[in-house]
N, C-alpha and C. Protein backbone atom coordinates (compact mmCIF):
# COMPACT_ATOMS: atom_id res chain seq x y z
N MET A 1 0.82 -1.19 0.57
CA MET A 1 0.09 -0.14 -0.38
C MET A 1 1.08 1.19 0.30
N ASN A 2 0.63 2.16 -0.79
CA ASN A 2 1.23 3.57 -0.97
C ASN A 2 1.03 4.37 0.19
N THR A 3 2.03 4.50 1.37
CA THR A 3 1.46 4.82 2.53
C THR A 3 1.39 6.79 2.00
N ARG A 4 2.51 7.25 1.06
CA ARG A 4 2.78 8.22 1.24
C ARG A 4 1.89 8.76 -0.08
N LEU A 5 1.15 8.28 -1.01
CA LEU A 5 -0.78 8.73 -1.46
C LEU A 5 -0.99 8.87 -0.19
N HIS A 6 -1.62 8.31 0.41
CA HIS A 6 -2.47 8.00 1.65
C HIS A 6 -1.75 9.59 2.50
N GLY A 7 -0.74 9.76 3.15
CA GLY A 7 -0.33 10.45 3.91
C GLY A 7 -0.63 11.92 3.15
N VAL A 8 -0.27 12.24 1.72
CA VAL A 8 -0.36 13.23 1.15
C VAL A 8 -1.51 13.77 1.03
N THR A 9 -2.81 12.75 0.77
CA THR A 9 -4.08 13.03 0.62
C THR A 9 -4.62 13.43 1.64
N SER A 10 -4.55 13.00 2.85
CA SER A 10 -5.13 13.02 3.77
C SER A 10 -5.05 14.17 4.86
N LEU A 11 -3.33 15.00 4.35
CA LEU A 11 -2.87 16.17 4.58
C LEU A 11 -3.77 17.36 3.47
N GLY A 12 -4.00 16.94 2.77
CA GLY A 12 -4.97 17.69 1.91
C GLY A 12 -6.12 18.01 1.98
N ILE A 13 -6.78 16.62 2.44
CA ILE A 13 -8.13 17.10 2.58
C ILE A 13 -8.38 17.55 3.62
N ALA A 14 -7.32 17.34 4.88
CA ALA A 14 -7.55 18.09 6.28
C ALA A 14 -7.13 19.50 5.86
N GLY A 15 -6.14 19.97 4.81
CA GLY A 15 -5.94 21.18 4.89
C GLY A 15 -7.29 22.02 3.73
N ILE A 16 -7.97 21.15 3.17
CA ILE A 16 -8.97 22.12 2.43
C ILE A 16 -9.84 21.85 3.58
N ALA A 17 -10.50 21.25 4.45
CA ALA A 17 -11.37 21.93 5.50
C ALA A 17 -10.79 23.31 6.40
N THR A 18 -9.21 22.98 6.89
CA THR A 18 -8.85 24.00 7.39
C THR A 18 -9.22 25.25 6.79
N VAL A 19 -8.88 25.69 5.32
CA VAL A 19 -9.26 26.42 4.28
C VAL A 19 -10.86 26.62 4.54
N ILE A 20 -11.68 25.71 4.29
CA ILE A 20 -13.16 26.47 4.82
C ILE A 20 -13.27 26.43 6.36
N ALA A 21 -12.56 26.29 7.47
CA ALA A 21 -13.07 27.20 8.90
C ALA A 21 -12.25 28.33 8.20
N THR A 22 -10.90 28.83 7.83
CA THR A 22 -10.61 30.11 7.52
C THR A 22 -10.92 30.64 7.39
N VAL A 23 -11.28 30.61 5.77
CA VAL A 23 -12.38 31.50 5.11
C VAL A 23 -13.42 31.91 6.03
N MET A 24 -14.21 31.13 6.74
CA MET A 24 -15.30 31.26 7.41
C MET A 24 -14.90 31.82 8.83
N LEU A 25 -14.03 32.01 9.35
CA LEU A 25 -13.66 32.90 10.45
C LEU A 25 -13.38 34.13 10.17
N PHE A 26 -12.47 34.64 8.75
CA PHE A 26 -12.18 35.55 8.28
C PHE A 26 -13.64 36.61 7.68
N GLN A 27 -14.54 35.56 7.28
CA GLN A 27 -16.08 36.38 7.22
C GLN A 27 -16.39 36.56 8.45
N GLN A 28 -16.58 36.45 9.54
CA GLN A 28 -16.74 36.70 10.71
C GLN A 28 -16.27 37.98 11.18
N SER A 29 -14.69 38.01 11.12
CA SER A 29 -13.98 38.85 11.57
C SER A 29 -12.53 38.77 11.30
N TRP A 30 -11.88 39.53 10.83
CA TRP A 30 -10.49 39.36 10.58
C TRP A 30 -9.75 39.39 11.52
N MET A 31 -9.88 39.63 12.51
CA MET A 31 -8.84 39.16 14.08
C MET A 31 -9.55 37.91 14.17
N LEU A 32 -10.36 37.39 13.75
CA LEU A 32 -10.72 35.87 14.17
C LEU A 32 -9.87 34.97 13.10
N GLY A 33 -9.88 35.46 12.00
CA GLY A 33 -9.17 34.68 10.89
C GLY A 33 -7.86 34.81 11.49
N LEU A 34 -7.12 35.67 11.54
CA LEU A 34 -5.95 36.14 12.05
C LEU A 34 -5.36 35.60 13.10
N GLY A 35 -6.12 35.57 14.20
CA GLY A 35 -6.05 34.23 15.40
C GLY A 35 -5.78 33.39 14.98
N TYR A 36 -7.10 32.24 13.95
CA TYR A 36 -6.98 31.08 13.57
C TYR A 36 -5.48 30.97 13.31
N LEU A 37 -5.52 31.61 11.97
CA LEU A 37 -3.96 31.74 11.36
C LEU A 37 -2.86 31.20 12.16
N MET A 38 -2.89 32.40 13.09
CA MET A 38 -1.72 32.12 13.79
C MET A 38 -1.63 30.84 14.84
N ALA A 39 -2.88 30.45 15.44
CA ALA A 39 -3.36 29.42 16.17
C ALA A 39 -2.70 28.04 15.01
N LEU A 40 -3.05 28.03 14.19
CA LEU A 40 -2.64 26.99 13.10
C LEU A 40 -1.41 26.92 13.03
N VAL A 41 -0.32 28.04 12.94
CA VAL A 41 0.95 27.65 12.70
C VAL A 41 1.63 27.28 14.80
N VAL A 42 1.05 27.94 15.21
CA VAL A 42 1.49 27.48 16.83
C VAL A 42 1.15 26.06 17.13
N ALA A 43 -0.05 25.56 16.83
CA ALA A 43 -0.68 24.16 17.08
C ALA A 43 0.06 23.11 15.70
N GLY A 44 0.47 23.62 14.70
CA GLY A 44 1.04 22.41 13.78
C GLY A 44 2.51 22.74 14.23
N GLY A 45 3.03 23.15 14.71
CA GLY A 45 4.43 23.26 15.11
C GLY A 45 4.37 22.70 16.63
N GLY A 46 3.86 22.66 17.27
CA GLY A 46 3.43 22.05 18.08
C GLY A 46 3.33 20.69 18.23
N VAL A 47 2.46 20.27 17.10
CA VAL A 47 2.35 18.62 16.87
C VAL A 47 3.40 18.03 16.42
N ILE A 48 4.34 18.78 15.73
CA ILE A 48 5.75 18.60 14.93
C ILE A 48 6.60 18.25 15.85
N TYR A 49 6.35 19.22 16.59
CA TYR A 49 7.31 19.07 18.22
C TYR A 49 7.38 18.04 19.02
N ALA A 50 5.75 17.99 19.64
CA ALA A 50 5.65 16.86 20.98
C ALA A 50 5.43 15.60 20.06
N ASP A 51 4.74 15.20 18.97
CA ASP A 51 4.54 14.04 18.08
C ASP A 51 5.43 13.84 17.27
N CYS A 52 5.59 14.26 15.90
CA CYS A 52 6.54 14.01 14.95
C CYS A 52 7.29 13.28 14.88
N ALA A 53 7.88 14.79 15.85
CA ALA A 53 9.86 14.54 16.44
C ALA A 53 10.52 13.86 17.16
N LYS A 54 9.37 12.68 17.96
CA LYS A 54 9.80 11.62 18.68
C LYS A 54 9.44 10.21 17.82
N CYS A 55 9.29 10.60 16.59
CA CYS A 55 8.57 9.26 15.69
C CYS A 55 9.22 8.66 15.32
N PRO A 56 9.78 7.54 15.49
CA PRO A 56 10.78 6.68 14.55
C PRO A 56 10.50 6.58 13.37
N CYS A 57 9.60 6.79 12.75
CA CYS A 57 9.49 6.89 11.52
C CYS A 57 9.55 8.37 10.50
N ARG A 58 9.99 9.06 11.44
CA ARG A 58 10.17 10.59 10.83
C ARG A 58 11.27 10.79 9.60
N THR A 59 11.81 9.99 9.45
CA THR A 59 12.54 9.85 8.36
C THR A 59 11.68 9.22 7.08
N HIS A 60 10.98 8.15 7.28
CA HIS A 60 9.65 8.05 5.91
C HIS A 60 8.69 8.00 6.24
N CYS A 61 8.48 9.47 6.92
CA CYS A 61 6.93 9.43 7.13
C CYS A 61 5.91 9.46 6.34
N GLY A 62 5.07 8.78 5.97
CA GLY A 62 3.71 8.91 4.97
C GLY A 62 3.56 10.16 4.66
N HIS A 63 3.43 11.14 5.59
CA HIS A 63 3.20 12.72 5.47
C HIS A 63 3.57 13.40 5.06
N ILE A 64 5.03 12.78 5.04
CA ILE A 64 6.05 13.29 3.82
C ILE A 64 6.81 14.70 5.07
N LEU A 65 5.85 16.01 4.63
CA LEU A 65 6.27 17.23 4.96
C LEU A 65 6.50 17.17 6.92
N PRO A 66 5.38 16.89 7.32
CA PRO A 66 5.53 16.75 8.95
C PRO A 66 7.32 16.10 9.62
N GLY A 67 7.24 14.99 8.82
CA GLY A 67 8.70 14.31 9.30
C GLY A 67 9.39 14.95 8.68
N LYS A 68 9.78 15.60 7.59
CA LYS A 68 11.03 16.51 7.17
C LYS A 68 10.97 17.55 8.26
N LEU A 69 10.18 18.08 8.59
CA LEU A 69 9.79 19.50 9.45
C LEU A 69 10.60 19.04 10.88
N ALA A 70 10.22 17.68 11.21
CA ALA A 70 10.76 17.07 12.60
C ALA A 70 12.30 16.78 12.65
N VAL A 71 12.68 16.60 11.38
CA VAL A 71 14.50 15.88 11.37
C VAL A 71 14.89 17.04 11.07
N MET A 72 14.64 18.06 10.34
CA MET A 72 15.19 19.66 10.08
C MET A 72 15.30 20.59 11.39
N LEU A 73 14.01 20.35 12.12
CA LEU A 73 13.93 21.44 13.03
C LEU A 73 14.38 21.20 14.68
N THR A 74 14.60 19.53 14.66
CA THR A 74 14.19 19.05 16.03
C THR A 74 15.93 17.99 16.08
N ASN A 75 15.75 17.75 16.98
CA ASN A 75 16.47 16.56 17.52
C ASN A 75 16.47 15.66 18.86
N ARG A 76 15.13 15.67 18.24
CA ARG A 76 14.31 14.58 19.57
C ARG A 76 14.79 13.46 19.68
N LYS A 77 15.10 12.90 20.32
CA LYS A 77 15.13 11.45 20.69
C LYS A 77 14.18 10.08 20.72
N THR A 78 14.41 9.37 20.14
CA THR A 78 12.77 8.64 19.65
C THR A 78 12.67 7.76 21.31
N GLU A 79 11.51 7.91 21.82
CA GLU A 79 11.49 7.70 23.02
C GLU A 79 10.06 7.03 23.27
N PRO A 80 9.19 6.90 24.26
CA PRO A 80 8.04 7.12 24.14
C PRO A 80 7.72 8.36 25.13
N TYR A 81 6.48 8.40 24.54
CA TYR A 81 5.53 10.10 25.16
C TYR A 81 5.05 9.91 26.45
N THR A 82 5.41 10.86 27.21
CA THR A 82 4.63 11.22 28.23
C THR A 82 3.41 11.47 28.20
N PRO A 83 2.40 11.44 29.29
CA PRO A 83 1.50 11.60 29.69
C PRO A 83 1.31 12.66 29.06
N ILE A 84 2.25 13.92 29.51
CA ILE A 84 2.12 15.58 29.50
C ILE A 84 1.82 15.76 28.10
N GLU A 85 3.20 15.32 26.99
CA GLU A 85 3.12 15.12 25.61
C GLU A 85 1.96 14.75 24.87
N PHE A 86 1.43 13.73 25.43
CA PHE A 86 -0.25 12.99 24.98
C PHE A 86 -1.35 14.41 25.10
N ALA A 87 -1.57 14.81 26.15
CA ALA A 87 -2.49 15.89 26.61
C ALA A 87 -2.11 17.32 26.09
N VAL A 88 -0.76 17.44 25.69
CA VAL A 88 -0.40 18.74 24.60
C VAL A 88 -0.63 18.52 23.27
N ILE A 89 -0.48 17.05 22.68
CA ILE A 89 -0.92 16.87 21.36
C ILE A 89 -2.38 16.59 21.42
N GLY A 90 -3.17 16.25 22.11
CA GLY A 90 -4.97 16.70 22.32
C GLY A 90 -5.11 17.38 22.06
N GLY A 91 -4.80 18.45 22.70
CA GLY A 91 -5.47 19.60 23.45
C GLY A 91 -5.06 20.82 22.02
N LEU A 92 -3.40 20.31 20.95
CA LEU A 92 -3.22 20.92 19.83
C LEU A 92 -4.19 20.84 18.89
N VAL A 93 -5.28 19.29 18.70
CA VAL A 93 -5.85 18.84 18.09
C VAL A 93 -7.03 19.44 18.25
N VAL A 94 -7.11 19.38 19.38
CA VAL A 94 -8.69 20.38 19.36
C VAL A 94 -8.79 21.91 19.16
N ILE A 95 -7.29 22.55 19.31
CA ILE A 95 -7.15 23.77 18.72
C ILE A 95 -7.59 23.79 17.12
N LEU A 96 -6.70 22.31 16.50
CA LEU A 96 -7.06 22.88 14.83
C LEU A 96 -7.67 22.40 14.58
N ILE A 97 -8.76 21.71 14.96
CA ILE A 97 -10.26 21.27 14.77
C ILE A 97 -11.19 21.52 15.84
N GLY A 98 -10.97 22.03 16.94
CA GLY A 98 -12.26 22.48 17.63
C GLY A 98 -12.70 23.55 17.62
N LEU A 99 -11.96 24.27 17.65
CA LEU A 99 -12.09 25.90 17.70
C LEU A 99 -12.81 26.84 16.53
N PRO A 100 -12.77 25.85 15.63
CA PRO A 100 -13.62 25.96 14.78
C PRO A 100 -14.69 25.99 14.28
N LEU A 101 -15.41 25.12 15.01
CA LEU A 101 -16.73 24.38 15.44
C LEU A 101 -17.52 25.62 15.91
N LEU A 102 -16.89 26.58 17.09
CA LEU A 102 -17.82 27.47 17.31
C LEU A 102 -18.06 28.80 16.88
N TRP A 103 -17.49 28.65 15.07
CA TRP A 103 -18.51 29.94 14.37
C TRP A 103 -19.07 28.58 12.97
N LEU A 104 -18.62 27.59 12.76
CA LEU A 104 -18.99 26.82 12.18
C LEU A 104 -20.40 26.59 11.76
N TRP A 105 -20.74 26.12 13.32
CA TRP A 105 -21.81 25.92 13.57
C TRP A 105 -23.17 26.81 12.81
N ARG A 106 -22.43 27.91 12.29
CA ARG A 106 -23.72 29.25 11.69
C ARG A 106 -23.91 28.83 10.30
N SER A 107 -23.19 28.23 9.76
CA SER A 107 -23.48 27.50 7.95
C SER A 107 -23.31 26.42 8.53
N PRO A 108 -24.52 25.53 8.62
CA PRO A 108 -24.26 23.93 9.04
C PRO A 108 -24.09 23.60 7.32
N LEU A 109 -23.82 23.87 6.03
CA LEU A 109 -22.81 23.63 4.93
C LEU A 109 -21.33 23.34 5.26
N LEU A 110 -21.38 24.41 5.70
CA LEU A 110 -19.56 24.36 6.16
C LEU A 110 -19.47 23.82 6.89
N LEU A 111 -20.01 23.36 8.15
CA LEU A 111 -19.69 22.76 9.56
C LEU A 111 -19.74 21.20 8.82
N GLY A 112 -20.88 20.58 8.15
CA GLY A 112 -21.17 19.49 7.42
C GLY A 112 -19.68 18.70 6.73
N VAL A 113 -19.32 20.06 5.89
CA VAL A 113 -17.84 19.61 4.98
C VAL A 113 -16.57 19.17 5.64
N PHE A 114 -16.89 20.55 7.16
CA PHE A 114 -15.15 20.54 7.93
C PHE A 114 -15.26 19.21 8.38
N VAL A 115 -16.79 18.92 8.45
CA VAL A 115 -16.66 17.80 9.94
C VAL A 115 -16.32 16.43 9.03
N ILE A 116 -16.94 16.57 7.73
CA ILE A 116 -17.05 15.23 6.97
C ILE A 116 -15.48 14.91 6.32
N LEU A 117 -15.00 16.29 5.78
CA LEU A 117 -13.65 15.85 5.82
C LEU A 117 -12.32 15.63 6.64
N ASN A 118 -12.58 16.11 7.61
CA ASN A 118 -11.84 15.68 9.00
C ASN A 118 -11.58 14.37 9.33
N ALA A 119 -12.98 13.92 8.84
CA ALA A 119 -13.51 12.44 9.43
C ALA A 119 -12.88 11.59 8.38
N VAL A 120 -12.53 12.38 6.95
CA VAL A 120 -12.26 11.27 5.92
C VAL A 120 -10.87 11.22 6.31
N ALA A 121 -10.36 12.29 6.78
CA ALA A 121 -8.33 12.33 6.90
C ALA A 121 -8.37 11.18 8.23
N GLY A 122 -8.84 11.65 8.93
CA GLY A 122 -8.79 10.80 10.30
C GLY A 122 -8.90 9.37 10.26
N ILE A 123 -9.78 8.68 9.21
CA ILE A 123 -10.14 7.52 8.91
C ILE A 123 -9.04 7.09 8.02
N GLN A 124 -8.57 7.41 7.24
CA GLN A 124 -7.43 7.56 6.22
C GLN A 124 -6.28 7.05 6.72
N ILE A 125 -5.63 8.39 7.99
CA ILE A 125 -4.97 8.44 8.82
C ILE A 125 -4.38 7.03 9.66
N ARG A 126 -5.62 6.46 10.42
CA ARG A 126 -5.82 5.52 11.38
C ARG A 126 -5.68 4.54 10.48
N THR A 127 -6.33 4.30 9.37
CA THR A 127 -6.77 2.55 8.35
C THR A 127 -5.44 2.62 8.08
N VAL A 128 -5.06 3.34 7.28
CA VAL A 128 -3.98 3.25 6.36
C VAL A 128 -2.37 3.47 7.03
N LEU A 129 -2.10 4.41 7.47
CA LEU A 129 -0.81 5.07 8.07
C LEU A 129 -0.43 4.54 9.42
N CYS A 130 -1.55 4.49 10.06
CA CYS A 130 -0.99 3.72 11.59
C CYS A 130 -0.55 2.64 11.28
N ARG A 131 -1.55 1.73 10.45
CA ARG A 131 -0.91 0.22 10.19
C ARG A 131 0.12 0.25 9.57
N ALA A 132 0.78 0.78 8.86
CA ALA A 132 2.06 0.95 8.09
C ALA A 132 3.28 1.51 9.07
N CYS A 133 2.86 2.28 9.85
CA CYS A 133 4.09 3.23 10.86
C CYS A 133 4.39 1.96 12.03
N ASP A 134 5.77 2.19 12.29
CA ASP A 134 6.28 1.41 13.38
C ASP A 134 6.69 1.98 14.64
N ASN A 135 5.59 3.35 14.57
CA ASN A 135 5.84 3.65 16.00
C ASN A 135 5.03 3.03 17.00
N THR A 136 5.72 2.24 17.73
CA THR A 136 4.93 1.54 18.96
C THR A 136 4.84 2.45 19.89
N TYR A 137 4.96 3.65 19.99
CA TYR A 137 5.15 4.65 21.57
C TYR A 137 3.67 5.00 20.96
N CYS A 138 3.13 4.77 19.89
CA CYS A 138 1.96 5.67 19.31
C CYS A 138 0.45 4.93 19.67
N PRO A 139 0.04 5.30 20.22
CA PRO A 139 -1.79 4.57 20.88
C PRO A 139 -2.17 4.43 19.77
N GLY A 140 -2.01 4.96 18.50
CA GLY A 140 -2.84 4.33 17.34
C GLY A 140 -2.17 3.55 16.97
N ASN A 141 -1.24 2.89 16.90
CA ASN A 141 -0.79 2.19 16.39
C ASN A 141 -0.77 0.72 17.51
N SER A 142 -1.37 -0.60 16.31
CA SER A 142 -1.93 -1.45 16.43
C SER A 142 -0.85 -2.22 17.35
N ARG A 143 0.48 -1.97 17.48
CA ARG A 143 1.50 -2.62 17.97
C ARG A 143 1.86 -2.38 19.29
N TYR A 144 1.50 -0.83 19.67
CA TYR A 144 1.65 0.22 20.88
C TYR A 144 1.50 -1.16 21.99
N SER A 145 2.05 -0.38 23.07
CA SER A 145 2.23 -0.99 24.23
C SER A 145 2.33 -0.09 25.14
N THR A 146 1.44 0.09 26.74
CA THR A 146 2.03 0.87 28.02
C THR A 146 3.30 0.53 28.62
N LYS A 147 4.11 -0.53 28.48
CA LYS A 147 5.54 -1.19 28.51
C LYS A 147 6.81 -0.46 28.38
N ASN A 148 6.34 0.36 26.90
CA ASN A 148 7.45 0.74 26.14
C ASN A 148 7.87 1.62 27.17
C-alpha cells in the first residue's frame, strides 16, 4: 500500500477543511481569521515538536512534510511519549479542529463539509498510515504497548 499517497491526500483533505474554516472565520472577523491562522502555526509546530519529532518513522513518514520538518527543526530522541505530551498533542488537535466549530455551526453546510473532510482524513490516517507505521510508542499503532 502506498502510504505516501495516503499521507499526502489525508493532509490535503484536512488542509481543505482548514481553508474552509479559515475563510469562514475571516468572514466573521478579520481578527478571528488572523487569530486562527496564528493558532494553526503554533498548533502545527507543536504537533510536529511533541509528536513527529519523537516518532521513529519521521525519516520515512507517509505524511512527508511533517516528518521532514521534524528532522530539520528538532533533534529529539525517539522514546515513549509522556502523559503531558499526549495531553499537549490532544489539546493542539482540539485547537486545530475544535476551535472552528464554535463559528462553523452558523453555516450547517460548511460545518458538515468541515466535519466530513476531517473525518475522512482521520479515517485514512488511522486505517492506512497508522497500520504501516512502526511507532510502537503511539497509541494509534496496533503494536502500541504501555510497557514501552
